[in-house]
Amino acid sequence: MSRIQATFDKLKQNKRKALIPFFTAGDPDPKLTVPLMHALVEAGSDVIELGVPFSDPMADGPTIQRASERALKHHVGLHHVLDMVAEFRRSNAATPVVLMGYGNPIEAMGWEPFAKRCAEAGVDGVLTVDFPPEESHESFAHLDKHGIDPIFLLAPTSTDARIERVAEQARGYVYYVSLKGVTGAGNLDLSAIAEKIPQLREHIKLPIGVGFGIRDAATALEVAKLCDGVVVGSRIVQEIENSTSQNVVASVTRLVRELRQAVDQA
């Protein structure tokens, strides 16, 4: 059983919802990535989505774009991100880590070497934003070989055919993008999410996490009532951006604790 499945199974037994924070590896400084990962766990996170810096993050709004730019100024690449996960694993063998990013850095490394490195480092899942399921079977076969969960996005515009294909190929959980647009954009329409989730559940047996546009504890609570996990990215990255190197860990910890308390009320 994968760490992701074990985590969601335990949450379900305890009638709790997952809190899944995202931040970009290497932001604001490579030396702070692993301490931030541990702080997220200490504050109540169930799964960590760790962004791989990329120069053209097409699904991301300005906040996460700037995070990639800050990380790239420190020359943080995919090799470094995998090393960070390996360092995190030295003292945390339980919390699932999902790499979230784009296909180019993986293509440059090669899918088989990448999947092997993921397994060695302790990565549990990979979400490649620009690899739709129709084009990813061969690539993600390497992940399956090494026990890494391929995780896919679905959106408000996803058809039944796309949902069915994702249901066939996805492992771990499915990430539902709650609004049309990039990360951090727009206002959530909770009624639209409530309408879409049953359609997804007709085909998908995996847990469903909802992200994009969740900016505060109150919204996290309402979203948690509708799904299995709440993904918060831009708001956490914004907290990192607005903090200093000296107080960033404390600031992020405080925010995630607030989100945890809200999600636990669902």
Protein backbone atom coordinates (compact mmCIF):
# COMPACT_ATOMS: atom_id res chain seq x y z
CA MET A 1 0.00 0.00 0.00
CA SER A 2 1.34 3.42 -0.93
CA ARG A 3 1.87 6.17 1.63
CA ILE A 4 -0.82 8.23 -0.11
CA GLN A 5 -3.43 5.47 0.10
CA ALA A 6 -2.49 4.69 3.71
CA THR A 7 -2.86 8.37 4.62
CA PHE A 8 -6.29 8.73 3.04
CA ASP A 9 -7.45 5.41 4.50
CA LYS A 10 -6.48 6.56 7.99
CA LEU A 11 -8.19 9.92 7.48
CA LYS A 12 -11.38 8.20 6.32
CA GLN A 13 -11.36 5.90 9.36
CA ASN A 14 -11.05 8.96 11.58
CA LYS A 15 -13.69 10.88 9.58
CA ARG A 16 -11.23 13.65 8.73
CA LYS A 17 -10.35 15.46 5.52
CA ALA A 18 -6.83 15.86 4.12
CA LEU A 19 -4.98 19.16 4.18
CA ILE A 20 -2.57 19.31 1.23
CA PRO A 21 -0.33 22.39 1.13
CA PHE A 22 1.80 23.36 -1.85
CA PHE A 23 4.95 25.43 -2.06
CA THR A 24 7.82 25.68 -4.50
CA ALA A 25 11.08 23.94 -3.62
CA GLY A 26 13.92 26.42 -3.24
CA ASP A 27 11.65 29.35 -2.35
CA PRO A 28 12.62 31.56 -0.60
CA ASP A 29 15.97 29.79 -0.13
CA PRO A 30 17.02 26.17 -0.78
CA LYS A 31 18.20 25.84 2.83
CA LEU A 32 14.65 26.50 4.04
CA THR A 33 12.82 23.92 1.92
CA VAL A 34 13.26 20.93 4.21
CA PRO A 35 12.58 22.96 7.39
CA LEU A 36 9.38 24.23 5.74
CA MET A 37 8.35 20.68 4.86
CA HIS A 38 8.78 19.59 8.47
CA ALA A 39 6.90 22.70 9.64
CA LEU A 40 3.97 21.84 7.37
CA VAL A 41 3.75 18.39 8.93
CA GLU A 42 4.04 19.78 12.45
CA ALA A 43 1.19 22.18 11.67
CA GLY A 44 -1.12 19.37 10.58
CA SER A 45 -0.54 18.74 6.87
CA ASP A 46 -1.37 15.26 5.57
CA VAL A 47 0.28 15.36 2.14
CA ILE A 48 2.88 17.82 0.82
CA GLU A 49 2.81 18.98 -2.79
CA LEU A 50 6.30 20.22 -3.60
CA GLY A 51 6.62 22.39 -6.69
CA VAL A 52 9.51 21.84 -9.10
CA PRO A 53 10.74 25.27 -10.25
CA PHE A 54 10.15 25.92 -13.95
CA SER A 55 10.68 28.97 -16.13
CA ASP A 56 7.28 28.80 -17.86
CA PRO A 57 4.70 27.59 -15.31
CA MET A 58 1.69 28.02 -17.59
CA ALA A 59 -0.97 26.88 -15.10
CA ASP A 60 0.25 29.22 -12.37
CA GLY A 61 -0.68 32.78 -11.62
CA PRO A 62 1.77 35.56 -10.70
CA THR A 63 2.28 34.45 -7.09
CA ILE A 64 3.59 30.98 -7.90
CA GLN A 65 5.37 32.27 -11.01
CA ARG A 66 7.41 34.55 -8.75
CA ALA A 67 8.15 31.61 -6.45
CA SER A 68 9.65 29.70 -9.38
CA GLU A 69 11.67 32.75 -10.35
CA ARG A 70 13.06 33.09 -6.82
CA ALA A 71 13.98 29.40 -6.73
CA LEU A 72 15.59 29.51 -10.17
CA LYS A 73 17.75 32.44 -9.06
CA HIS A 74 19.20 29.95 -6.58
CA HIS A 75 19.72 27.51 -9.50
CA VAL A 76 17.33 24.97 -7.99
CA GLY A 77 16.52 22.22 -10.48
CA LEU A 78 14.90 18.81 -10.45
CA HIS A 79 18.02 17.06 -9.11
CA HIS A 80 18.07 19.43 -6.14
CA VAL A 81 14.35 18.90 -5.45
CA LEU A 82 14.86 15.15 -5.29
CA ASP A 83 17.79 15.64 -2.93
CA MET A 84 15.54 17.78 -0.70
CA VAL A 85 12.93 15.02 -0.55
CA ALA A 86 15.64 12.49 0.35
CA GLU A 87 16.80 14.77 3.17
CA PHE A 88 13.21 15.15 4.42
CA ARG A 89 12.82 11.35 4.40
CA ARG A 90 15.74 10.90 6.80
CA SER A 91 13.47 11.97 9.64
CA ASN A 92 9.97 11.55 8.19
CA ALA A 93 9.03 8.20 6.73
CA ALA A 94 5.26 8.68 6.89
CA THR A 95 4.10 11.90 5.20
CA PRO A 96 3.43 11.52 1.45
CA VAL A 97 5.29 13.89 -0.87
CA VAL A 98 3.96 14.67 -4.34
CA LEU A 99 6.10 16.48 -6.90
CA MET A 100 4.06 18.98 -8.90
CA GLY A 101 5.42 20.61 -12.01
CA TYR A 102 5.84 20.45 -15.77
CA GLY A 103 7.12 17.93 -18.26
CA ASN A 104 10.26 19.65 -19.54
CA PRO A 105 12.56 19.02 -16.55
CA ILE A 106 11.46 15.38 -16.43
CA GLU A 107 11.95 14.94 -20.17
CA ALA A 108 15.45 16.40 -19.81
CA MET A 109 16.30 13.87 -17.09
CA GLY A 110 14.47 11.00 -18.80
CA TRP A 111 11.37 9.31 -17.38
CA GLU A 112 13.06 6.08 -16.32
CA PRO A 113 15.96 7.79 -14.47
CA PHE A 114 13.45 10.25 -12.97
CA ALA A 115 11.14 7.52 -11.71
CA LYS A 116 14.08 5.60 -10.26
CA ARG A 117 15.37 8.73 -8.48
CA CYS A 118 11.87 9.43 -7.15
CA ALA A 119 11.66 5.97 -5.62
CA GLU A 120 15.14 6.29 -4.10
CA ALA A 121 14.38 9.74 -2.67
CA GLY A 122 10.99 8.77 -1.23
CA VAL A 123 8.63 10.60 -3.58
CA ASP A 124 5.11 9.15 -3.50
CA GLY A 125 3.35 10.83 -6.41
CA VAL A 126 3.96 12.98 -9.47
CA LEU A 127 1.55 15.52 -10.93
CA THR A 128 2.70 16.80 -14.31
CA VAL A 129 0.45 19.71 -15.21
CA ASP A 130 1.01 19.66 -18.96
CA PHE A 131 0.79 15.88 -19.46
CA PRO A 132 -2.87 14.96 -20.02
CA PRO A 133 -3.80 11.29 -19.59
CA GLU A 134 -4.18 10.79 -23.35
CA GLU A 135 -0.48 11.56 -23.82
CA SER A 136 1.07 10.15 -20.68
CA HIS A 137 0.52 6.40 -20.64
CA GLU A 138 4.05 5.47 -21.74
CA SER A 139 5.70 8.09 -19.52
CA PHE A 140 3.72 7.19 -16.42
CA ALA A 141 4.35 3.49 -16.98
CA HIS A 142 7.83 4.23 -15.62
CA LEU A 143 6.25 5.69 -12.48
CA ASP A 144 4.07 2.61 -12.01
CA LYS A 145 7.15 0.40 -12.38
CA HIS A 146 8.77 2.16 -9.42
CA GLY A 147 5.62 2.41 -7.30
CA ILE A 148 5.08 6.15 -7.82
CA ASP A 149 1.48 7.35 -8.07
CA PRO A 150 0.61 9.33 -11.22
CA ILE A 151 -1.80 12.08 -10.20
CA PHE A 152 -4.00 13.95 -12.67
CA LEU A 153 -5.93 17.19 -12.81
CA LEU A 154 -9.60 17.54 -13.66
CA ALA A 155 -11.38 20.84 -14.26
CA PRO A 156 -14.89 22.32 -14.44
CA THR A 157 -14.75 21.77 -18.20
CA SER A 158 -13.71 18.09 -18.00
CA THR A 159 -16.01 15.81 -19.98
CA ASP A 160 -17.22 12.37 -18.92
CA ALA A 161 -14.75 10.85 -21.38
CA ARG A 162 -11.81 12.70 -19.80
CA ILE A 163 -13.02 11.84 -16.29
CA GLU A 164 -13.24 8.15 -17.24
CA ARG A 165 -9.71 8.18 -18.67
CA VAL A 166 -8.32 9.81 -15.55
CA ALA A 167 -10.17 7.27 -13.42
CA GLU A 168 -8.42 4.48 -15.33
CA GLN A 169 -4.90 5.89 -15.03
CA ALA A 170 -4.74 7.88 -11.80
CA ARG A 171 -3.37 6.58 -8.53
CA GLY A 172 -3.25 8.16 -5.08
CA TYR A 173 -5.84 10.90 -5.50
CA VAL A 174 -7.33 13.12 -8.18
CA TYR A 175 -6.82 16.89 -8.07
CA TYR A 176 -9.93 18.83 -9.07
CA VAL A 177 -9.15 22.36 -10.24
CA SER A 178 -12.09 24.27 -8.81
CA LEU A 179 -12.13 27.18 -11.24
CA LYS A 180 -11.27 28.12 -14.79
CA GLY A 181 -7.95 29.94 -14.90
CA VAL A 182 -4.54 29.85 -13.24
CA THR A 183 -3.61 29.31 -9.61
CA GLY A 184 -4.66 32.13 -7.32
CA ALA A 185 -7.17 33.50 -9.81
CA GLY A 186 -10.85 34.26 -9.40
CA ASN A 187 -13.37 33.58 -6.67
CA LEU A 188 -14.63 30.12 -5.84
CA ASP A 189 -18.17 29.15 -6.74
CA LEU A 190 -18.93 26.60 -4.04
CA SER A 191 -22.23 25.65 -5.65
CA ALA A 192 -20.41 24.77 -8.87
CA ILE A 193 -18.00 22.54 -6.94
CA ALA A 194 -20.89 20.88 -5.14
CA GLU A 195 -22.52 20.20 -8.51
CA LYS A 196 -19.34 18.80 -10.14
CA ILE A 197 -18.09 16.48 -7.40
CA PRO A 198 -20.97 13.96 -7.75
CA GLN A 199 -20.22 13.74 -11.48
CA LEU A 200 -16.59 12.94 -10.68
CA ARG A 201 -17.55 10.35 -8.07
CA GLU A 202 -19.63 8.47 -10.62
CA HIS A 203 -16.35 7.42 -12.24
CA ILE A 204 -13.59 7.99 -9.66
CA LYS A 205 -13.08 5.75 -6.66
CA LEU A 206 -9.91 7.51 -5.50
CA PRO A 207 -10.01 10.40 -3.02
CA ILE A 208 -10.68 13.78 -4.63
CA GLY A 209 -8.73 16.85 -3.56
CA VAL A 210 -9.92 20.33 -4.52
CA GLY A 211 -7.56 23.24 -5.10
CA PHE A 212 -7.12 26.63 -6.82
CA GLY A 213 -8.62 29.72 -5.23
CA ILE A 214 -8.70 28.60 -1.59
CA ARG A 215 -7.46 31.73 0.15
CA ASP A 216 -8.53 31.44 3.79
CA ALA A 217 -9.71 29.14 6.56
CA ALA A 218 -13.40 29.86 5.98
CA THR A 219 -13.19 28.79 2.35
CA ALA A 220 -11.09 25.76 3.25
CA LEU A 221 -13.85 24.66 5.63
CA GLU A 222 -16.60 24.95 3.01
CA VAL A 223 -14.52 23.13 0.38
CA ALA A 224 -13.61 20.36 2.84
CA LYS A 225 -17.30 19.60 3.28
CA LEU A 226 -17.50 18.70 -0.42
CA CYS A 227 -14.43 16.54 -1.03
CA ASP A 228 -11.71 14.37 0.54
CA GLY A 229 -8.87 16.88 0.65
CA VAL A 230 -8.20 20.61 0.41
CA VAL A 231 -5.19 21.83 -1.59
CA VAL A 232 -3.81 25.26 -0.70
CA GLY A 233 -0.99 26.69 -2.78
CA SER A 234 -0.96 30.38 -3.69
CA ARG A 235 -1.96 31.50 -0.21
CA ILE A 236 0.97 29.63 1.34
CA VAL A 237 3.38 30.87 -1.32
CA GLN A 238 2.12 34.40 -0.69
CA GLU A 239 2.90 33.97 3.01
CA ILE A 240 6.42 32.85 2.09
CA GLU A 241 6.85 35.85 -0.21
CA ASN A 242 5.72 38.30 2.47
CA SER A 243 7.93 36.83 5.20
CA THR A 244 11.60 37.16 5.99
CA SER A 245 14.05 34.28 6.11
CA GLN A 246 13.99 34.61 9.88
CA ASN A 247 10.22 34.34 10.37
CA VAL A 248 9.01 32.41 7.29
CA VAL A 249 8.81 29.03 9.02
CA ALA A 250 6.83 30.48 11.93
CA SER A 251 4.52 32.41 9.59
CA VAL A 252 3.75 29.40 7.42
CA THR A 253 3.24 27.22 10.49
CA ARG A 254 0.70 29.68 11.88
CA LEU A 255 -1.23 29.84 8.60
CA VAL A 256 -1.33 26.07 8.13
CA ARG A 257 -2.52 25.54 11.70
CA GLU A 258 -5.43 27.89 10.99
CA LEU A 259 -6.26 25.92 7.85
CA ARG A 260 -5.98 22.63 9.75
CA GLN A 261 -8.40 23.81 12.40
CA ALA A 262 -10.87 24.87 9.72
CA VAL A 263 -10.65 21.63 7.74
CA ASP A 264 -11.18 19.62 10.93
CA GLN A 265 -14.54 21.30 11.40
CA ALA A 266 -15.82 19.83 8.14
